[in-house]
């Protein structure tokens, strides 16, 4: 994590960091932060961004007092980009707007931060990437579990959808379709051979 004492002579930064600490919830820890260099904030107060154990935070102080803050939960993070120069770096954070592991999300939010201190921005980027990888794996496991449930014969009731019961049965309980899905999962290495045999046995036993 960044060391606030390294910027003890930077007027105003201490107050911003104190404000940031005040935004943390119970049990939430500050992992890193980055601030704009003064030359990139000649017409406004410098932006401060932070990575915590649970989210990405953007903090902008107002010219005449107060501040505006916004945050992105790590589970909503979609992509992080960095562009580094000699003394500064730009960071772009893209987030999805949906919740629940973001499955099927389409609408994105894009945040851009220019002129950040290079070492701080690089630390922020690394932490964003780490959290992104963790949640990508969680989403992969979630999607795999859903595919396994479908291939294992778990059906979504469609009898009251307005279609004939024979049509619903044909679309949801076709053994050949479920077996094909299981084979595709095996070929894609989403399931093991033993898991495929177990799914196949369930399908055959239901004939």
N, C-alpha and C. Protein backbone atom coordinates (compact mmCIF):
# COMPACT_ATOMS: atom_id res chain seq x y z
N UNK A 1 0.83 -1.19 0.00
CA UNK A 1 0.00 0.00 0.00
C UNK A 1 0.86 1.24 0.00
N UNK A 2 0.39 2.33 -0.61
CA UNK A 2 1.14 3.57 -0.64
C UNK A 2 1.39 4.07 0.77
N UNK A 3 2.51 4.75 0.95
CA UNK A 3 2.88 5.28 2.26
C UNK A 3 2.54 6.77 2.30
N UNK A 4 1.54 7.19 3.09
CA UNK A 4 1.16 8.59 3.16
C UNK A 4 2.30 9.48 3.62
N UNK A 5 3.23 8.95 4.43
CA UNK A 5 4.31 9.78 4.92
C UNK A 5 5.22 10.24 3.80
N UNK A 6 5.20 9.52 2.67
CA UNK A 6 6.05 9.91 1.54
C UNK A 6 5.57 11.21 0.93
N UNK A 7 4.35 11.62 1.22
CA UNK A 7 3.80 12.84 0.67
C UNK A 7 3.43 13.82 1.78
N UNK A 8 4.15 13.75 2.89
CA UNK A 8 3.81 14.58 4.04
C UNK A 8 3.95 16.07 3.73
N UNK A 9 4.83 16.41 2.80
CA UNK A 9 5.04 17.82 2.46
C UNK A 9 4.10 18.30 1.35
N UNK A 10 3.24 17.44 0.86
CA UNK A 10 2.30 17.79 -0.18
C UNK A 10 1.05 18.38 0.47
N UNK A 11 0.94 19.69 0.44
CA UNK A 11 -0.17 20.36 1.12
C UNK A 11 -1.51 19.92 0.54
N UNK A 12 -2.44 19.64 1.42
CA UNK A 12 -3.78 19.25 1.01
C UNK A 12 -3.97 17.76 0.86
N UNK A 13 -2.89 17.02 0.59
CA UNK A 13 -3.04 15.59 0.37
C UNK A 13 -3.41 14.87 1.66
N UNK A 14 -2.86 15.35 2.77
CA UNK A 14 -3.18 14.72 4.05
C UNK A 14 -4.67 14.77 4.35
N UNK A 15 -5.30 15.92 4.06
CA UNK A 15 -6.73 16.04 4.28
C UNK A 15 -7.53 15.12 3.38
N UNK A 16 -7.09 14.98 2.14
CA UNK A 16 -7.79 14.11 1.19
C UNK A 16 -7.70 12.66 1.63
N UNK A 17 -6.53 12.26 2.13
CA UNK A 17 -6.36 10.88 2.59
C UNK A 17 -7.20 10.62 3.84
N UNK A 18 -7.31 11.63 4.70
CA UNK A 18 -8.15 11.49 5.88
C UNK A 18 -9.62 11.31 5.48
N UNK A 19 -10.04 12.10 4.47
CA UNK A 19 -11.41 11.96 3.97
C UNK A 19 -11.63 10.57 3.39
N UNK A 20 -10.64 10.07 2.65
CA UNK A 20 -10.73 8.74 2.07
C UNK A 20 -10.86 7.68 3.16
N UNK A 21 -10.06 7.78 4.19
CA UNK A 21 -10.15 6.82 5.28
C UNK A 21 -11.53 6.84 5.92
N UNK A 22 -12.15 8.03 5.97
CA UNK A 22 -13.47 8.14 6.55
C UNK A 22 -14.56 7.49 5.72
N UNK A 23 -14.28 7.18 4.46
CA UNK A 23 -15.26 6.54 3.59
C UNK A 23 -15.27 5.02 3.72
N UNK A 24 -14.26 4.48 4.37
CA UNK A 24 -14.15 3.02 4.48
C UNK A 24 -15.21 2.48 5.43
N UNK A 25 -15.77 1.36 5.07
CA UNK A 25 -16.77 0.71 5.91
C UNK A 25 -16.09 -0.22 6.92
N UNK A 26 -16.84 -0.74 7.84
CA UNK A 26 -16.30 -1.64 8.85
C UNK A 26 -15.69 -2.87 8.20
N UNK A 27 -14.44 -3.13 8.52
CA UNK A 27 -13.75 -4.29 7.97
C UNK A 27 -13.10 -4.05 6.62
N UNK A 28 -13.36 -2.91 5.99
CA UNK A 28 -12.77 -2.59 4.69
C UNK A 28 -11.37 -2.02 4.89
N UNK A 29 -10.42 -2.47 4.08
CA UNK A 29 -9.04 -2.01 4.21
C UNK A 29 -8.58 -1.31 2.93
N UNK A 30 -7.72 -0.33 3.10
CA UNK A 30 -7.18 0.42 1.98
C UNK A 30 -5.94 -0.29 1.46
N UNK A 31 -5.94 -0.65 0.18
CA UNK A 31 -4.84 -1.41 -0.40
C UNK A 31 -3.86 -0.53 -1.17
N UNK A 32 -4.34 0.52 -1.82
CA UNK A 32 -3.47 1.42 -2.57
C UNK A 32 -4.25 2.67 -2.94
N UNK A 33 -3.52 3.73 -3.28
CA UNK A 33 -4.18 4.95 -3.76
C UNK A 33 -3.26 5.67 -4.73
N UNK A 34 -3.82 6.57 -5.50
CA UNK A 34 -3.05 7.35 -6.47
C UNK A 34 -3.66 8.73 -6.59
N UNK A 35 -2.82 9.74 -6.79
CA UNK A 35 -3.27 11.12 -6.88
C UNK A 35 -2.73 11.77 -8.16
N UNK A 36 -3.47 12.73 -8.68
CA UNK A 36 -3.02 13.46 -9.86
C UNK A 36 -1.83 14.36 -9.52
N UNK A 37 -0.90 14.48 -10.43
CA UNK A 37 0.17 15.45 -10.27
C UNK A 37 -0.41 16.86 -10.45
N UNK A 38 0.18 17.81 -9.77
CA UNK A 38 -0.36 19.17 -9.77
C UNK A 38 -0.46 19.77 -11.18
N UNK A 39 0.51 19.47 -12.02
CA UNK A 39 0.53 20.07 -13.36
C UNK A 39 -0.67 19.65 -14.19
N UNK A 40 -1.30 18.53 -13.83
CA UNK A 40 -2.48 18.05 -14.56
C UNK A 40 -3.78 18.53 -13.93
N UNK A 41 -3.68 19.33 -12.88
CA UNK A 41 -4.88 19.80 -12.18
C UNK A 41 -4.76 21.28 -11.87
N UNK A 42 -4.45 22.06 -12.90
CA UNK A 42 -4.26 23.50 -12.71
C UNK A 42 -5.58 24.24 -12.52
N UNK A 43 -6.66 23.69 -13.07
CA UNK A 43 -7.96 24.38 -13.01
C UNK A 43 -8.96 23.72 -12.06
N UNK A 44 -8.51 22.70 -11.35
CA UNK A 44 -9.42 22.02 -10.43
C UNK A 44 -8.61 21.33 -9.34
N UNK A 45 -9.30 20.91 -8.29
CA UNK A 45 -8.63 20.16 -7.23
C UNK A 45 -8.25 18.78 -7.76
N UNK A 46 -7.14 18.29 -7.31
CA UNK A 46 -6.66 17.01 -7.83
C UNK A 46 -7.57 15.85 -7.44
N UNK A 47 -7.68 14.90 -8.36
CA UNK A 47 -8.48 13.70 -8.11
C UNK A 47 -7.64 12.68 -7.34
N UNK A 48 -8.28 11.95 -6.49
CA UNK A 48 -7.64 10.89 -5.72
C UNK A 48 -8.43 9.61 -5.94
N UNK A 49 -7.76 8.53 -6.30
CA UNK A 49 -8.43 7.25 -6.47
C UNK A 49 -7.81 6.24 -5.51
N UNK A 50 -8.58 5.23 -5.17
CA UNK A 50 -8.10 4.25 -4.20
C UNK A 50 -8.66 2.87 -4.50
N UNK A 51 -7.90 1.85 -4.10
CA UNK A 51 -8.35 0.46 -4.19
C UNK A 51 -8.45 -0.07 -2.77
N UNK A 52 -9.61 -0.60 -2.42
CA UNK A 52 -9.80 -1.18 -1.10
C UNK A 52 -10.04 -2.68 -1.25
N UNK A 53 -10.28 -3.33 -0.14
CA UNK A 53 -10.54 -4.77 -0.19
C UNK A 53 -11.86 -5.09 -0.87
N UNK A 54 -12.75 -4.10 -1.02
CA UNK A 54 -14.05 -4.38 -1.60
C UNK A 54 -14.44 -3.57 -2.81
N UNK A 55 -13.68 -2.50 -3.15
CA UNK A 55 -14.13 -1.64 -4.24
C UNK A 55 -13.03 -0.69 -4.71
N UNK A 56 -13.33 -0.02 -5.83
CA UNK A 56 -12.51 1.05 -6.39
C UNK A 56 -13.22 2.37 -6.06
N UNK A 57 -12.49 3.34 -5.50
CA UNK A 57 -13.10 4.59 -5.08
C UNK A 57 -12.46 5.77 -5.81
N UNK A 58 -13.30 6.69 -6.26
CA UNK A 58 -12.85 7.95 -6.85
C UNK A 58 -13.30 9.08 -5.92
N UNK A 59 -12.35 9.97 -5.57
CA UNK A 59 -12.65 11.07 -4.65
C UNK A 59 -12.19 12.38 -5.28
N UNK A 60 -13.12 13.31 -5.44
CA UNK A 60 -12.80 14.63 -5.99
C UNK A 60 -13.28 15.70 -5.03
N UNK A 61 -12.33 16.49 -4.53
CA UNK A 61 -12.69 17.56 -3.60
C UNK A 61 -13.16 18.79 -4.37
N UNK A 62 -14.12 19.47 -3.82
CA UNK A 62 -14.65 20.68 -4.45
C UNK A 62 -13.76 21.88 -4.15
N UNK A 63 -13.84 22.91 -4.99
CA UNK A 63 -12.99 24.09 -4.84
C UNK A 63 -13.29 24.85 -3.56
N UNK A 64 -14.56 24.86 -3.13
CA UNK A 64 -14.92 25.66 -1.97
C UNK A 64 -15.36 24.79 -0.79
N UNK A 65 -14.83 23.60 -0.73
CA UNK A 65 -15.13 22.72 0.39
C UNK A 65 -16.03 21.56 0.02
N UNK A 66 -15.88 20.47 0.75
CA UNK A 66 -16.66 19.28 0.46
C UNK A 66 -16.00 18.42 -0.61
N UNK A 67 -16.67 17.35 -0.96
CA UNK A 67 -16.10 16.44 -1.95
C UNK A 67 -17.21 15.62 -2.60
N UNK A 68 -16.89 15.02 -3.73
CA UNK A 68 -17.77 14.09 -4.43
C UNK A 68 -17.04 12.75 -4.52
N UNK A 69 -17.74 11.68 -4.23
CA UNK A 69 -17.11 10.36 -4.31
C UNK A 69 -18.01 9.41 -5.09
N UNK A 70 -17.39 8.43 -5.69
CA UNK A 70 -18.11 7.38 -6.42
C UNK A 70 -17.27 6.11 -6.31
N UNK A 71 -17.90 4.98 -6.47
CA UNK A 71 -17.15 3.73 -6.33
C UNK A 71 -17.67 2.66 -7.29
N UNK A 72 -16.82 1.68 -7.51
CA UNK A 72 -17.12 0.52 -8.34
C UNK A 72 -16.81 -0.73 -7.53
N UNK A 73 -17.78 -1.59 -7.35
CA UNK A 73 -17.52 -2.86 -6.67
C UNK A 73 -16.63 -3.73 -7.56
N UNK A 74 -15.76 -4.50 -6.94
CA UNK A 74 -14.85 -5.32 -7.74
C UNK A 74 -15.61 -6.31 -8.61
N UNK A 75 -16.76 -6.80 -8.16
CA UNK A 75 -17.52 -7.74 -8.97
C UNK A 75 -18.10 -7.09 -10.23
N UNK A 76 -18.13 -5.75 -10.25
CA UNK A 76 -18.64 -5.05 -11.43
C UNK A 76 -17.53 -4.61 -12.38
N UNK A 77 -16.28 -4.82 -12.00
CA UNK A 77 -15.15 -4.40 -12.84
C UNK A 77 -15.07 -5.26 -14.08
N UNK A 78 -14.93 -4.63 -15.22
CA UNK A 78 -14.84 -5.36 -16.49
C UNK A 78 -13.44 -5.29 -17.08
N UNK A 79 -12.81 -4.12 -17.02
CA UNK A 79 -11.50 -3.96 -17.65
C UNK A 79 -10.77 -2.76 -17.05
N UNK A 80 -9.45 -2.85 -16.96
CA UNK A 80 -8.61 -1.74 -16.51
C UNK A 80 -7.48 -1.56 -17.51
N UNK A 81 -7.22 -0.31 -17.90
CA UNK A 81 -6.15 -0.01 -18.84
C UNK A 81 -5.24 1.05 -18.25
N UNK A 82 -3.95 0.99 -18.60
CA UNK A 82 -3.00 1.99 -18.13
C UNK A 82 -2.12 2.43 -19.28
N UNK A 83 -1.81 3.71 -19.28
CA UNK A 83 -0.90 4.28 -20.27
C UNK A 83 0.11 5.13 -19.50
N UNK A 84 1.36 4.69 -19.46
CA UNK A 84 2.37 5.34 -18.63
C UNK A 84 3.39 6.10 -19.46
N UNK A 85 3.72 7.31 -18.99
CA UNK A 85 4.77 8.11 -19.60
C UNK A 85 5.99 8.12 -18.69
N UNK A 86 6.78 9.18 -18.79
CA UNK A 86 8.00 9.26 -17.99
C UNK A 86 7.70 9.58 -16.53
N UNK A 87 6.79 10.54 -16.29
CA UNK A 87 6.52 10.97 -14.91
C UNK A 87 5.07 10.77 -14.48
N UNK A 88 4.21 10.43 -15.41
CA UNK A 88 2.79 10.29 -15.06
C UNK A 88 2.17 9.15 -15.85
N UNK A 89 0.97 8.77 -15.43
CA UNK A 89 0.26 7.69 -16.10
C UNK A 89 -1.23 7.97 -16.10
N UNK A 90 -1.92 7.47 -17.12
CA UNK A 90 -3.38 7.58 -17.22
C UNK A 90 -3.98 6.21 -16.94
N UNK A 91 -5.08 6.21 -16.22
CA UNK A 91 -5.75 4.96 -15.87
C UNK A 91 -7.19 5.02 -16.32
N UNK A 92 -7.65 3.99 -17.02
CA UNK A 92 -9.05 3.88 -17.46
C UNK A 92 -9.66 2.66 -16.81
N UNK A 93 -10.81 2.86 -16.19
CA UNK A 93 -11.51 1.77 -15.51
C UNK A 93 -12.89 1.62 -16.15
N UNK A 94 -13.21 0.41 -16.59
CA UNK A 94 -14.49 0.12 -17.23
C UNK A 94 -15.25 -0.86 -16.34
N UNK A 95 -16.49 -0.50 -16.04
CA UNK A 95 -17.29 -1.34 -15.14
C UNK A 95 -18.64 -1.65 -15.76
N UNK A 96 -19.17 -2.82 -15.42
CA UNK A 96 -20.51 -3.20 -15.84
C UNK A 96 -21.51 -2.70 -14.81
N UNK A 97 -22.72 -2.43 -15.25
CA UNK A 97 -23.71 -1.85 -14.35
C UNK A 97 -24.59 -2.87 -13.66
N UNK A 98 -24.54 -4.12 -14.09
CA UNK A 98 -25.39 -5.13 -13.46
C UNK A 98 -24.72 -5.72 -12.24
N UNK A 99 -25.50 -6.45 -11.46
CA UNK A 99 -24.95 -7.11 -10.27
C UNK A 99 -25.03 -8.61 -10.46
N UNK A 100 -24.94 -9.36 -9.37
CA UNK A 100 -25.08 -10.81 -9.41
C UNK A 100 -24.04 -11.47 -10.31
N UNK A 101 -22.79 -11.17 -10.08
CA UNK A 101 -21.67 -11.74 -10.82
C UNK A 101 -21.62 -11.26 -12.27
N UNK A 102 -22.46 -10.29 -12.64
CA UNK A 102 -22.38 -9.65 -13.95
C UNK A 102 -22.67 -10.55 -15.13
N UNK A 103 -23.32 -11.64 -14.92
CA UNK A 103 -23.61 -12.53 -16.05
C UNK A 103 -24.61 -11.84 -16.98
N UNK A 104 -24.23 -11.67 -18.23
CA UNK A 104 -25.12 -11.08 -19.21
C UNK A 104 -25.15 -9.56 -19.20
N UNK A 105 -24.25 -8.91 -18.49
CA UNK A 105 -24.27 -7.45 -18.45
C UNK A 105 -23.84 -6.86 -19.79
N UNK A 106 -24.44 -5.75 -20.16
CA UNK A 106 -24.12 -5.14 -21.45
C UNK A 106 -23.75 -3.66 -21.33
N UNK A 107 -24.34 -2.93 -20.39
CA UNK A 107 -24.10 -1.51 -20.28
C UNK A 107 -22.86 -1.27 -19.42
N UNK A 108 -21.96 -0.40 -19.88
CA UNK A 108 -20.70 -0.16 -19.19
C UNK A 108 -20.58 1.28 -18.71
N UNK A 109 -19.81 1.47 -17.65
CA UNK A 109 -19.39 2.79 -17.20
C UNK A 109 -17.89 2.90 -17.47
N UNK A 110 -17.45 4.05 -17.94
CA UNK A 110 -16.04 4.25 -18.24
C UNK A 110 -15.54 5.46 -17.45
N UNK A 111 -14.52 5.22 -16.62
CA UNK A 111 -13.91 6.29 -15.84
C UNK A 111 -12.47 6.47 -16.34
N UNK A 112 -12.07 7.74 -16.52
CA UNK A 112 -10.72 8.04 -17.00
C UNK A 112 -10.04 8.99 -16.03
N UNK A 113 -8.80 8.66 -15.65
CA UNK A 113 -8.03 9.48 -14.72
C UNK A 113 -6.68 9.79 -15.36
N UNK A 114 -6.40 11.07 -15.58
CA UNK A 114 -5.19 11.48 -16.28
C UNK A 114 -4.17 12.07 -15.32
N UNK A 115 -2.90 11.91 -15.69
CA UNK A 115 -1.82 12.56 -14.95
C UNK A 115 -1.58 12.03 -13.56
N UNK A 116 -1.84 10.76 -13.32
CA UNK A 116 -1.59 10.18 -12.00
C UNK A 116 -0.09 9.95 -11.81
N UNK A 117 0.33 9.97 -10.57
CA UNK A 117 1.72 9.64 -10.29
C UNK A 117 1.99 8.22 -10.76
N UNK A 118 3.06 8.07 -11.51
CA UNK A 118 3.30 6.84 -12.25
C UNK A 118 3.36 5.60 -11.35
N UNK A 119 4.16 5.64 -10.30
CA UNK A 119 4.31 4.46 -9.45
C UNK A 119 2.99 4.11 -8.76
N UNK A 120 2.24 5.15 -8.35
CA UNK A 120 0.96 4.91 -7.70
C UNK A 120 -0.05 4.32 -8.67
N UNK A 121 -0.07 4.84 -9.89
CA UNK A 121 -1.01 4.34 -10.90
C UNK A 121 -0.70 2.88 -11.24
N UNK A 122 0.57 2.54 -11.32
CA UNK A 122 0.95 1.16 -11.62
C UNK A 122 0.53 0.22 -10.49
N UNK A 123 0.66 0.67 -9.25
CA UNK A 123 0.21 -0.15 -8.12
C UNK A 123 -1.30 -0.35 -8.17
N UNK A 124 -2.02 0.72 -8.50
CA UNK A 124 -3.48 0.63 -8.63
C UNK A 124 -3.87 -0.35 -9.73
N UNK A 125 -3.17 -0.27 -10.84
CA UNK A 125 -3.46 -1.15 -11.98
C UNK A 125 -3.28 -2.62 -11.59
N UNK A 126 -2.19 -2.91 -10.89
CA UNK A 126 -1.93 -4.31 -10.49
C UNK A 126 -3.04 -4.83 -9.58
N UNK A 127 -3.48 -4.02 -8.65
CA UNK A 127 -4.53 -4.46 -7.72
C UNK A 127 -5.85 -4.64 -8.46
N UNK A 128 -6.16 -3.73 -9.37
CA UNK A 128 -7.39 -3.88 -10.17
C UNK A 128 -7.36 -5.18 -10.95
N UNK A 129 -6.21 -5.51 -11.53
CA UNK A 129 -6.08 -6.74 -12.29
C UNK A 129 -6.26 -7.97 -11.39
N UNK A 130 -5.72 -7.91 -10.19
CA UNK A 130 -5.86 -9.04 -9.28
C UNK A 130 -7.32 -9.28 -8.91
N UNK A 131 -8.04 -8.21 -8.57
CA UNK A 131 -9.44 -8.36 -8.21
C UNK A 131 -10.27 -8.81 -9.43
N UNK A 132 -9.91 -8.30 -10.60
CA UNK A 132 -10.62 -8.68 -11.82
C UNK A 132 -10.47 -10.18 -12.07
N UNK A 133 -9.27 -10.72 -11.89
CA UNK A 133 -9.04 -12.14 -12.11
C UNK A 133 -9.83 -12.99 -11.12
N UNK A 134 -9.90 -12.54 -9.86
CA UNK A 134 -10.66 -13.27 -8.85
C UNK A 134 -12.13 -13.38 -9.24
N UNK A 135 -12.72 -12.26 -9.67
CA UNK A 135 -14.14 -12.27 -10.00
C UNK A 135 -14.41 -12.94 -11.34
N UNK A 136 -13.45 -12.91 -12.27
CA UNK A 136 -13.62 -13.66 -13.50
C UNK A 136 -13.73 -15.15 -13.21
N UNK A 137 -12.90 -15.63 -12.28
CA UNK A 137 -12.94 -17.04 -11.92
C UNK A 137 -14.26 -17.38 -11.24
N UNK A 138 -14.76 -16.48 -10.39
CA UNK A 138 -16.05 -16.73 -9.74
C UNK A 138 -17.17 -16.81 -10.77
N UNK A 139 -17.12 -15.91 -11.77
CA UNK A 139 -18.16 -15.95 -12.81
C UNK A 139 -18.04 -17.21 -13.64
N UNK A 140 -16.79 -17.65 -13.91
CA UNK A 140 -16.59 -18.88 -14.70
C UNK A 140 -17.18 -20.08 -13.96
N UNK A 141 -16.94 -20.15 -12.66
CA UNK A 141 -17.47 -21.26 -11.87
C UNK A 141 -18.99 -21.21 -11.85
N UNK A 142 -19.55 -20.00 -11.72
CA UNK A 142 -21.01 -19.85 -11.71
C UNK A 142 -21.61 -20.33 -13.03
N UNK A 143 -21.02 -19.91 -14.14
CA UNK A 143 -21.53 -20.32 -15.45
C UNK A 143 -21.40 -21.83 -15.65
N UNK A 144 -20.29 -22.40 -15.16
CA UNK A 144 -20.08 -23.84 -15.28
C UNK A 144 -21.13 -24.60 -14.50
N UNK A 145 -21.45 -24.12 -13.30
CA UNK A 145 -22.47 -24.78 -12.48
C UNK A 145 -23.83 -24.73 -13.17
N UNK A 146 -24.13 -23.61 -13.84
CA UNK A 146 -25.40 -23.50 -14.54
C UNK A 146 -25.45 -24.46 -15.72
N UNK A 147 -24.33 -24.58 -16.45
CA UNK A 147 -24.28 -25.51 -17.58
C UNK A 147 -24.42 -26.95 -17.11
N UNK A 148 -23.78 -27.27 -15.99
CA UNK A 148 -23.88 -28.62 -15.46
C UNK A 148 -25.31 -28.94 -15.05
N UNK A 149 -25.98 -27.96 -14.44
CA UNK A 149 -27.36 -28.17 -14.02
C UNK A 149 -28.26 -28.43 -15.22
N UNK A 150 -28.06 -27.65 -16.29
CA UNK A 150 -28.88 -27.83 -17.48
C UNK A 150 -28.61 -29.18 -18.14
N UNK A 151 -27.36 -29.55 -18.24
CA UNK A 151 -27.02 -30.82 -18.89
C UNK A 151 -27.39 -32.01 -18.03
N UNK A 152 -27.52 -31.79 -16.72
CA UNK A 152 -27.87 -32.88 -15.83
C UNK A 152 -29.35 -33.15 -15.77
N UNK A 153 -30.14 -32.38 -16.52
CA UNK A 153 -31.56 -32.64 -16.58
C UNK A 153 -32.41 -31.71 -15.75
N UNK A 154 -31.83 -30.65 -15.14
CA UNK A 154 -32.64 -29.70 -14.40
C UNK A 154 -33.45 -28.89 -15.40
N UNK A 155 -34.76 -28.89 -15.25
CA UNK A 155 -35.64 -28.27 -16.23
C UNK A 155 -36.29 -27.02 -15.68
N UNK A 156 -36.52 -26.05 -16.55
CA UNK A 156 -37.28 -24.85 -16.20
C UNK A 156 -38.70 -25.06 -16.67
N UNK A 157 -39.64 -24.98 -15.76
CA UNK A 157 -41.03 -25.27 -16.10
C UNK A 157 -41.55 -24.33 -17.16
N UNK A 158 -42.12 -24.91 -18.21
CA UNK A 158 -42.67 -24.08 -19.27
C UNK A 158 -44.09 -24.46 -19.60
N UNK A 159 -44.71 -25.25 -18.72
CA UNK A 159 -46.06 -25.76 -18.99
C UNK A 159 -47.11 -24.69 -19.04
N UNK A 160 -46.88 -23.56 -18.36
CA UNK A 160 -47.89 -22.50 -18.33
C UNK A 160 -47.53 -21.34 -19.23
N UNK A 161 -46.61 -21.54 -20.16
CA UNK A 161 -46.13 -20.44 -20.98
C UNK A 161 -47.05 -20.13 -22.15
N UNK A 162 -48.06 -20.94 -22.35
CA UNK A 162 -48.97 -20.68 -23.45
C UNK A 162 -48.77 -21.62 -24.61
N UNK A 163 -47.71 -22.42 -24.55
CA UNK A 163 -47.47 -23.39 -25.59
C UNK A 163 -48.01 -24.74 -25.16
N UNK A 164 -48.14 -25.65 -26.11
CA UNK A 164 -48.63 -26.97 -25.79
C UNK A 164 -47.65 -27.72 -24.91
N UNK A 165 -48.16 -28.61 -24.04
CA UNK A 165 -47.29 -29.32 -23.12
C UNK A 165 -46.31 -30.21 -23.87
N UNK A 166 -46.72 -30.77 -25.00
CA UNK A 166 -45.81 -31.62 -25.76
C UNK A 166 -44.65 -30.82 -26.30
N UNK A 167 -44.91 -29.56 -26.72
CA UNK A 167 -43.83 -28.70 -27.22
C UNK A 167 -42.86 -28.38 -26.11
N UNK A 168 -43.38 -28.07 -24.91
CA UNK A 168 -42.51 -27.72 -23.78
C UNK A 168 -41.64 -28.91 -23.41
N UNK A 169 -42.25 -30.12 -23.41
CA UNK A 169 -41.49 -31.30 -23.05
C UNK A 169 -40.39 -31.55 -24.06
N UNK A 170 -40.74 -31.34 -25.33
CA UNK A 170 -39.76 -31.59 -26.36
C UNK A 170 -38.60 -30.63 -26.30
N UNK A 171 -38.86 -29.37 -25.89
CA UNK A 171 -37.79 -28.37 -25.88
C UNK A 171 -36.92 -28.45 -24.64
N UNK A 172 -37.44 -28.97 -23.53
CA UNK A 172 -36.70 -28.94 -22.27
C UNK A 172 -36.15 -30.29 -21.85
N UNK A 173 -36.71 -31.40 -22.34
CA UNK A 173 -36.29 -32.70 -21.81
C UNK A 173 -35.80 -33.65 -22.90
N UNK A 174 -35.36 -33.11 -24.00
CA UNK A 174 -34.87 -33.93 -25.08
C UNK A 174 -33.53 -34.56 -24.69
N UNK A 175 -33.46 -35.86 -24.48
CA UNK A 175 -32.23 -36.51 -24.04
C UNK A 175 -31.05 -36.28 -25.00
N UNK A 176 -31.35 -36.29 -26.28
CA UNK A 176 -30.27 -36.10 -27.25
C UNK A 176 -29.65 -34.72 -27.12
N UNK A 177 -30.50 -33.71 -26.88
CA UNK A 177 -29.99 -32.34 -26.74
C UNK A 177 -29.11 -32.23 -25.50
N UNK A 178 -29.57 -32.83 -24.38
CA UNK A 178 -28.81 -32.75 -23.14
C UNK A 178 -27.49 -33.51 -23.26
N UNK A 179 -27.53 -34.61 -23.96
CA UNK A 179 -26.30 -35.40 -24.14
C UNK A 179 -25.31 -34.63 -25.02
N UNK A 180 -25.84 -33.95 -26.05
CA UNK A 180 -24.96 -33.14 -26.91
C UNK A 180 -24.31 -32.01 -26.11
N UNK A 181 -25.09 -31.36 -25.23
CA UNK A 181 -24.54 -30.28 -24.42
C UNK A 181 -23.43 -30.80 -23.51
N UNK A 182 -23.66 -31.98 -22.93
CA UNK A 182 -22.64 -32.57 -22.06
C UNK A 182 -21.37 -32.88 -22.84
N UNK A 183 -21.55 -33.40 -24.07
CA UNK A 183 -20.39 -33.71 -24.91
C UNK A 183 -19.62 -32.44 -25.26
N UNK A 184 -20.33 -31.35 -25.55
CA UNK A 184 -19.68 -30.07 -25.86
C UNK A 184 -18.89 -29.56 -24.65
N UNK A 185 -19.45 -29.72 -23.46
CA UNK A 185 -18.75 -29.30 -22.25
C UNK A 185 -17.49 -30.13 -22.04
N UNK A 186 -17.58 -31.45 -22.34
CA UNK A 186 -16.42 -32.31 -22.21
C UNK A 186 -15.33 -31.91 -23.21
N UNK A 187 -15.75 -31.65 -24.45
CA UNK A 187 -14.78 -31.26 -25.48
C UNK A 187 -14.11 -29.93 -25.14
N UNK A 188 -14.85 -29.04 -24.46
CA UNK A 188 -14.31 -27.73 -24.09
C UNK A 188 -13.55 -27.79 -22.77
N UNK A 189 -13.43 -29.02 -22.21
CA UNK A 189 -12.71 -29.26 -20.96
C UNK A 189 -13.35 -28.52 -19.79
N UNK A 190 -14.66 -28.32 -19.85
CA UNK A 190 -15.38 -27.71 -18.74
C UNK A 190 -15.75 -28.74 -17.68
N UNK A 191 -15.82 -30.00 -18.09
CA UNK A 191 -16.10 -31.09 -17.16
C UNK A 191 -15.11 -32.22 -17.43
N UNK A 192 -14.95 -33.09 -16.45
CA UNK A 192 -14.04 -34.23 -16.61
C UNK A 192 -14.77 -35.41 -17.25
N UNK A 193 -14.00 -36.44 -17.59
CA UNK A 193 -14.59 -37.64 -18.18
C UNK A 193 -15.59 -38.29 -17.21
N UNK A 194 -15.22 -38.32 -15.94
CA UNK A 194 -16.11 -38.96 -14.96
C UNK A 194 -17.40 -38.16 -14.79
N UNK A 195 -17.29 -36.84 -14.85
CA UNK A 195 -18.49 -36.01 -14.75
C UNK A 195 -19.38 -36.21 -15.97
N UNK A 196 -18.77 -36.35 -17.13
CA UNK A 196 -19.55 -36.61 -18.34
C UNK A 196 -20.29 -37.93 -18.24
N UNK A 197 -19.61 -38.96 -17.74
CA UNK A 197 -20.25 -40.27 -17.61
C UNK A 197 -21.40 -40.21 -16.61
N UNK A 198 -21.23 -39.42 -15.55
CA UNK A 198 -22.29 -39.29 -14.56
C UNK A 198 -23.51 -38.60 -15.16
N UNK A 199 -23.26 -37.52 -15.93
CA UNK A 199 -24.36 -36.82 -16.59
C UNK A 199 -25.06 -37.73 -17.59
N UNK A 200 -24.27 -38.48 -18.35
CA UNK A 200 -24.85 -39.38 -19.35
C UNK A 200 -25.71 -40.44 -18.67
N UNK A 201 -25.24 -40.94 -17.52
CA UNK A 201 -26.02 -41.96 -16.80
C UNK A 201 -27.36 -41.40 -16.35
N UNK A 202 -27.37 -40.17 -15.90
CA UNK A 202 -28.63 -39.54 -15.47
C UNK A 202 -29.60 -39.41 -16.64
N UNK A 203 -29.05 -39.01 -17.79
CA UNK A 203 -29.90 -38.84 -18.97
C UNK A 203 -30.48 -40.18 -19.40
N UNK A 204 -29.63 -41.22 -19.42
CA UNK A 204 -30.09 -42.54 -19.86
C UNK A 204 -31.12 -43.11 -18.88
N UNK A 205 -30.90 -42.89 -17.58
CA UNK A 205 -31.83 -43.44 -16.58
C UNK A 205 -33.20 -42.78 -16.67
N UNK A 206 -33.26 -41.59 -17.27
CA UNK A 206 -34.54 -40.92 -17.39
C UNK A 206 -35.31 -41.31 -18.63
N UNK A 207 -34.74 -42.18 -19.48
CA UNK A 207 -35.44 -42.59 -20.71
C UNK A 207 -36.55 -43.58 -20.40
